[in-house]
Amino acid sequence: MRTVLRVELRNGTAVLTLDRPERLNAVGTDTVEQLTKALHDLRGNDDVRAVVLAGAGRAFSAGADLGEIESFTSPGQFRAFVGRLTEAYALLEDFPKPSVAAVHGFAFGGGLELALACDLRVAERGARLGLPEMKLGVLPGAGGTQRLPRLLPTAIAKEMILTGEPIDAERAWQLGLVNEVAEPGVALAAAEALAARLAAGAPLALAAGKRLVDHGLGMDLEAAIAYERETVTVLFCTEDRIEGLKAFRERRPGNFRGA
């Protein structure tokens, strides 16, 4: 199997790069399998505090591999492919370490769905983000119709899904879909800088913060606040909490160990 996902460790950040530039980083079975393996391997690596997703070549990703999809001869094959894709993206979304997508060129279809599964997104000025499946007579199948409306106003998400028209990075930033707009050529560097800020935090608190936001949104407010209370009580008992207070008093960065 050809390597279509590069994994590099840089100062506490794992940079995962989609590496099929000749196919505009189309996401196929090989990509899904290698992404799944990488996330499983990195999950238990205490040296990794954050993850960056990027794309090689001219774009982040053109979406799912249409050539592979066209080879399917039954709905069952397509369903299995979408299932594997969905599971990989869910693994990224539930990853205990924060993730940042570095978008350049464009992120379409399954490529945008990959970026949506990340916690944060950086996009280069002029980059385009969209779900064009409607123009092919189908719909996004790896979380796009569900994650996008959770990040954008409902009417805007519906417009993108139902027309298939993309938006540019500046508009995405205005709407809150993108956390930062970077100058052309520096999306990856900007994403790594953002990941480094995240990686400086206490690992247990980072993981807990992700869970509180992601799971709390599905609860009623009273239950979510109770969940928050129990979570911060657990964090109060950690060594990192003691180190954080000590670092604050000594006016220095915390030396967090995830304990």
Protein backbone atom coordinates (compact mmCIF):
# COMPACT_ATOMS: atom_id res chain seq x y z
CA MET A 1 0.00 0.00 0.00
CA ARG A 2 1.37 3.40 -0.97
CA THR A 3 1.81 5.91 1.84
CA VAL A 4 -0.80 8.63 1.29
CA LEU A 5 -0.60 10.15 4.77
CA ARG A 6 2.67 11.51 6.14
CA VAL A 7 3.07 11.66 9.91
CA GLU A 8 5.69 14.00 11.38
CA LEU A 9 6.29 14.87 15.04
CA ARG A 10 7.36 18.46 15.67
CA ASN A 11 7.81 19.85 19.18
CA GLY A 12 4.80 18.17 20.71
CA THR A 13 2.61 18.44 17.60
CA ALA A 14 1.84 15.61 15.18
CA VAL A 15 1.48 16.95 11.64
CA LEU A 16 -0.62 14.63 9.46
CA THR A 17 -0.32 15.52 5.78
CA LEU A 18 -2.60 14.13 3.09
CA ASP A 19 -0.10 13.13 0.41
CA ARG A 20 -1.84 12.46 -2.91
CA PRO A 21 -1.09 15.76 -4.62
CA GLU A 22 -1.60 14.30 -8.08
CA ARG A 23 -5.22 13.56 -7.07
CA LEU A 24 -5.63 16.76 -5.08
CA ASN A 25 -5.52 14.65 -1.91
CA ALA A 26 -8.74 12.83 -2.69
CA VAL A 27 -9.73 10.71 0.30
CA GLY A 28 -9.96 7.02 -0.51
CA THR A 29 -9.78 3.76 1.41
CA ASP A 30 -5.98 3.95 1.77
CA THR A 31 -6.22 7.43 3.28
CA VAL A 32 -8.94 6.34 5.69
CA GLU A 33 -6.96 3.29 6.82
CA GLN A 34 -3.75 5.26 7.33
CA LEU A 35 -5.54 8.09 9.15
CA THR A 36 -7.25 5.59 11.45
CA LYS A 37 -3.95 3.86 12.24
CA ALA A 38 -2.16 7.15 12.85
CA LEU A 39 -4.81 8.37 15.28
CA HIS A 40 -4.74 5.09 17.20
CA ASP A 41 -0.93 5.22 17.39
CA LEU A 42 -0.84 8.86 18.46
CA ARG A 43 -3.57 8.52 21.06
CA GLY A 44 -1.23 6.87 23.55
CA ASN A 45 1.87 8.93 22.68
CA ASP A 46 2.40 11.28 25.63
CA ASP A 47 4.89 13.32 23.59
CA VAL A 48 2.08 14.42 21.29
CA ARG A 49 -0.03 17.24 22.72
CA ALA A 50 -1.82 18.45 19.56
CA VAL A 51 -2.48 17.42 15.95
CA VAL A 52 -2.42 19.41 12.70
CA LEU A 53 -4.11 18.16 9.50
CA ALA A 54 -2.71 19.50 6.23
CA GLY A 55 -2.59 18.69 2.52
CA ALA A 56 0.34 18.41 0.12
CA GLY A 57 0.41 20.20 -3.22
CA ARG A 58 -2.17 22.68 -4.50
CA ALA A 59 -4.99 22.03 -2.05
CA PHE A 60 -6.05 20.61 1.28
CA SER A 61 -8.38 18.06 -0.31
CA ALA A 62 -10.78 17.82 -3.24
CA GLY A 63 -12.97 15.41 -1.28
CA ALA A 64 -13.75 11.71 -1.48
CA ASP A 65 -12.03 9.72 -4.22
CA LEU A 66 -14.61 9.73 -7.02
CA GLY A 67 -12.60 7.19 -9.01
CA GLU A 68 -12.91 4.68 -6.19
CA ILE A 69 -16.58 5.48 -5.69
CA GLU A 70 -17.30 4.99 -9.40
CA SER A 71 -15.84 1.49 -9.14
CA PHE A 72 -18.51 0.39 -6.67
CA THR A 73 -21.12 -1.93 -8.15
CA SER A 74 -23.63 -1.93 -5.31
CA PRO A 75 -25.09 0.42 -2.68
CA GLY A 76 -23.59 -1.87 -0.05
CA GLN A 77 -20.06 -1.10 -1.20
CA PHE A 78 -20.77 2.62 -1.07
CA ARG A 79 -22.36 2.32 2.35
CA ALA A 80 -19.31 0.43 3.67
CA PHE A 81 -16.95 3.09 2.27
CA VAL A 82 -18.95 5.93 3.82
CA GLY A 83 -19.07 3.99 7.09
CA ARG A 84 -15.28 3.69 7.23
CA LEU A 85 -14.90 7.36 6.36
CA THR A 86 -17.40 8.40 9.04
CA GLU A 87 -15.68 6.25 11.66
CA ALA A 88 -12.27 7.77 10.88
CA TYR A 89 -13.61 11.31 11.13
CA ALA A 90 -15.40 10.48 14.39
CA LEU A 91 -12.11 9.14 15.74
CA LEU A 92 -10.50 12.48 14.93
CA GLU A 93 -13.38 14.44 16.46
CA ASP A 94 -13.20 12.38 19.68
CA PHE A 95 -9.38 12.43 19.79
CA PRO A 96 -8.33 13.50 23.31
CA LYS A 97 -5.78 15.98 21.97
CA PRO A 98 -6.83 19.18 20.17
CA SER A 99 -6.63 19.25 16.38
CA VAL A 100 -6.23 22.06 13.86
CA ALA A 101 -6.89 21.88 10.10
CA ALA A 102 -4.56 23.90 7.87
CA VAL A 103 -6.59 24.65 4.74
CA HIS A 104 -5.05 25.99 1.56
CA GLY A 105 -6.36 26.02 -2.00
CA PHE A 106 -9.68 24.38 -1.26
CA ALA A 107 -11.40 21.90 1.00
CA PHE A 108 -14.37 20.34 -0.78
CA GLY A 109 -16.74 17.53 0.11
CA GLY A 110 -15.02 14.87 2.18
CA GLY A 111 -12.05 17.22 2.49
CA LEU A 112 -14.15 19.87 4.20
CA GLU A 113 -15.78 17.15 6.30
CA LEU A 114 -12.29 16.18 7.49
CA ALA A 115 -11.60 19.81 8.45
CA LEU A 116 -14.98 19.99 10.22
CA ALA A 117 -13.96 17.01 12.37
CA CYS A 118 -11.01 19.04 13.68
CA ASP A 119 -11.44 21.30 16.69
CA LEU A 120 -10.12 24.42 14.98
CA ARG A 121 -9.43 25.55 11.43
CA VAL A 122 -6.93 27.92 9.81
CA ALA A 123 -7.41 28.82 6.15
CA GLU A 124 -5.29 30.79 3.73
CA ARG A 125 -6.74 33.95 2.28
CA GLY A 126 -8.65 33.06 -0.87
CA ALA A 127 -9.03 29.38 -0.01
CA ARG A 128 -12.47 27.94 -0.76
CA LEU A 129 -14.53 25.66 1.45
CA GLY A 130 -17.62 23.84 0.26
CA LEU A 131 -19.82 20.77 0.04
CA PRO A 132 -20.46 20.37 -3.71
CA GLU A 133 -22.18 16.97 -3.52
CA MET A 134 -25.58 18.42 -4.50
CA LYS A 135 -24.13 19.19 -7.94
CA LEU A 136 -23.45 15.47 -8.32
CA GLY A 137 -27.00 14.53 -7.33
CA VAL A 138 -26.06 13.33 -3.84
CA LEU A 139 -25.32 14.78 -0.40
CA PRO A 140 -22.36 14.84 1.99
CA GLY A 141 -22.14 11.49 3.77
CA ALA A 142 -19.30 11.82 6.30
CA GLY A 143 -20.85 14.27 8.72
CA GLY A 144 -21.13 17.36 6.55
CA THR A 145 -24.89 17.81 6.90
CA GLN A 146 -24.59 17.47 10.67
CA ARG A 147 -21.34 19.16 11.69
CA LEU A 148 -21.70 22.21 9.42
CA PRO A 149 -25.03 23.38 10.96
CA ARG A 150 -23.44 23.03 14.40
CA LEU A 151 -20.76 25.51 13.39
CA LEU A 152 -22.69 27.92 11.16
CA PRO A 153 -26.09 29.61 11.28
CA THR A 154 -28.63 27.07 10.06
CA ALA A 155 -29.67 29.07 6.99
CA ILE A 156 -26.05 29.48 5.85
CA ALA A 157 -25.33 25.78 6.32
CA LYS A 158 -28.46 24.90 4.35
CA GLU A 159 -27.43 27.25 1.55
CA MET A 160 -24.01 25.63 1.27
CA ILE A 161 -25.44 22.09 1.38
CA LEU A 162 -28.41 22.68 -0.93
CA THR A 163 -26.64 24.79 -3.56
CA GLY A 164 -23.25 23.12 -3.40
CA GLU A 165 -21.63 26.55 -3.68
CA PRO A 166 -18.41 27.17 -1.69
CA ILE A 167 -17.46 30.16 0.44
CA ASP A 168 -14.02 31.71 0.66
CA ALA A 169 -11.79 31.82 3.74
CA GLU A 170 -12.68 35.42 4.58
CA ARG A 171 -16.41 34.66 4.59
CA ALA A 172 -15.77 31.48 6.58
CA TRP A 173 -13.92 33.52 9.19
CA GLN A 174 -16.72 36.07 9.39
CA LEU A 175 -19.19 33.25 10.01
CA GLY A 176 -17.00 31.55 12.63
CA LEU A 177 -16.23 28.44 10.57
CA VAL A 178 -12.54 29.37 10.41
CA ASN A 179 -10.62 30.54 13.48
CA GLU A 180 -7.89 32.36 11.58
CA VAL A 181 -7.19 33.57 8.05
CA ALA A 182 -3.54 33.23 7.10
CA GLU A 183 -1.68 34.81 4.22
CA PRO A 184 -1.10 32.63 1.14
CA GLY A 185 1.56 30.01 1.70
CA VAL A 186 1.54 30.09 5.50
CA ALA A 187 -1.57 28.17 6.55
CA LEU A 188 0.47 25.26 7.84
CA ALA A 189 2.84 27.50 9.81
CA ALA A 190 -0.13 29.37 11.29
CA ALA A 191 -1.85 26.10 12.20
CA GLU A 192 1.30 24.79 13.85
CA ALA A 193 1.64 28.01 15.84
CA LEU A 194 -1.96 27.66 17.01
CA ALA A 195 -1.36 23.98 17.85
CA ALA A 196 1.71 24.96 19.88
CA ARG A 197 -0.41 27.30 21.99
CA LEU A 198 -2.86 24.48 22.56
CA ALA A 199 -0.09 22.00 23.34
CA ALA A 200 1.17 24.27 26.10
CA GLY A 201 -1.99 23.55 28.09
CA ALA A 202 -2.52 20.81 30.65
CA PRO A 203 -3.30 17.58 28.73
CA LEU A 204 -6.03 16.37 31.09
CA ALA A 205 -7.73 19.76 31.06
CA LEU A 206 -7.47 19.97 27.25
CA ALA A 207 -9.16 16.59 26.83
CA ALA A 208 -11.79 17.46 29.42
CA GLY A 209 -12.48 20.83 27.78
CA LYS A 210 -13.12 19.12 24.44
CA ARG A 211 -15.52 16.66 26.07
CA LEU A 212 -17.39 19.38 27.96
CA VAL A 213 -18.05 21.42 24.83
CA ASP A 214 -18.80 18.51 22.49
CA HIS A 215 -20.97 16.49 24.86
CA GLY A 216 -22.44 19.41 26.75
CA LEU A 217 -24.02 20.83 23.59
CA GLY A 218 -26.25 17.76 23.47
CA MET A 219 -27.48 18.18 27.05
CA ASP A 220 -29.93 20.57 28.63
CA LEU A 221 -28.19 23.44 30.39
CA GLU A 222 -28.73 22.18 33.93
CA ALA A 223 -27.28 18.75 33.15
CA ALA A 224 -24.39 20.27 31.22
CA ILE A 225 -23.44 22.54 34.12
CA ALA A 226 -23.57 19.56 36.49
CA TYR A 227 -21.29 17.68 34.08
CA GLU A 228 -18.94 20.67 34.10
CA ARG A 229 -18.92 20.79 37.90
CA GLU A 230 -18.00 17.11 38.21
CA THR A 231 -15.30 17.44 35.55
CA VAL A 232 -13.54 20.42 37.15
CA THR A 233 -13.72 18.68 40.54
CA VAL A 234 -11.74 15.78 39.07
CA LEU A 235 -9.22 18.22 37.56
CA PHE A 236 -8.81 19.89 40.97
CA CYS A 237 -7.21 16.66 42.21
CA THR A 238 -4.50 16.55 39.52
CA GLU A 239 -0.82 17.40 39.80
CA ASP A 240 -1.19 19.70 36.81
CA ARG A 241 -3.66 21.84 38.74
CA ILE A 242 -1.09 22.27 41.52
CA GLU A 243 1.62 23.04 38.96
CA GLY A 244 -0.63 25.53 37.20
CA LEU A 245 -1.26 27.51 40.36
CA LYS A 246 2.43 27.43 41.25
CA ALA A 247 3.40 28.62 37.76
CA PHE A 248 0.85 31.43 37.97
CA ARG A 249 2.29 32.64 41.26
CA GLU A 250 5.83 32.42 39.92
CA ARG A 251 4.83 34.15 36.68
CA ARG A 252 6.14 31.42 34.39
CA PRO A 253 4.62 28.93 31.93
CA GLY A 254 3.28 25.76 33.50
CA ASN A 255 5.23 22.53 33.12
CA PHE A 256 2.27 20.20 32.68
CA ARG A 257 2.76 16.43 32.59
CA GLY A 258 -0.75 15.14 32.16
CA ALA A 259 -1.03 13.83 35.70
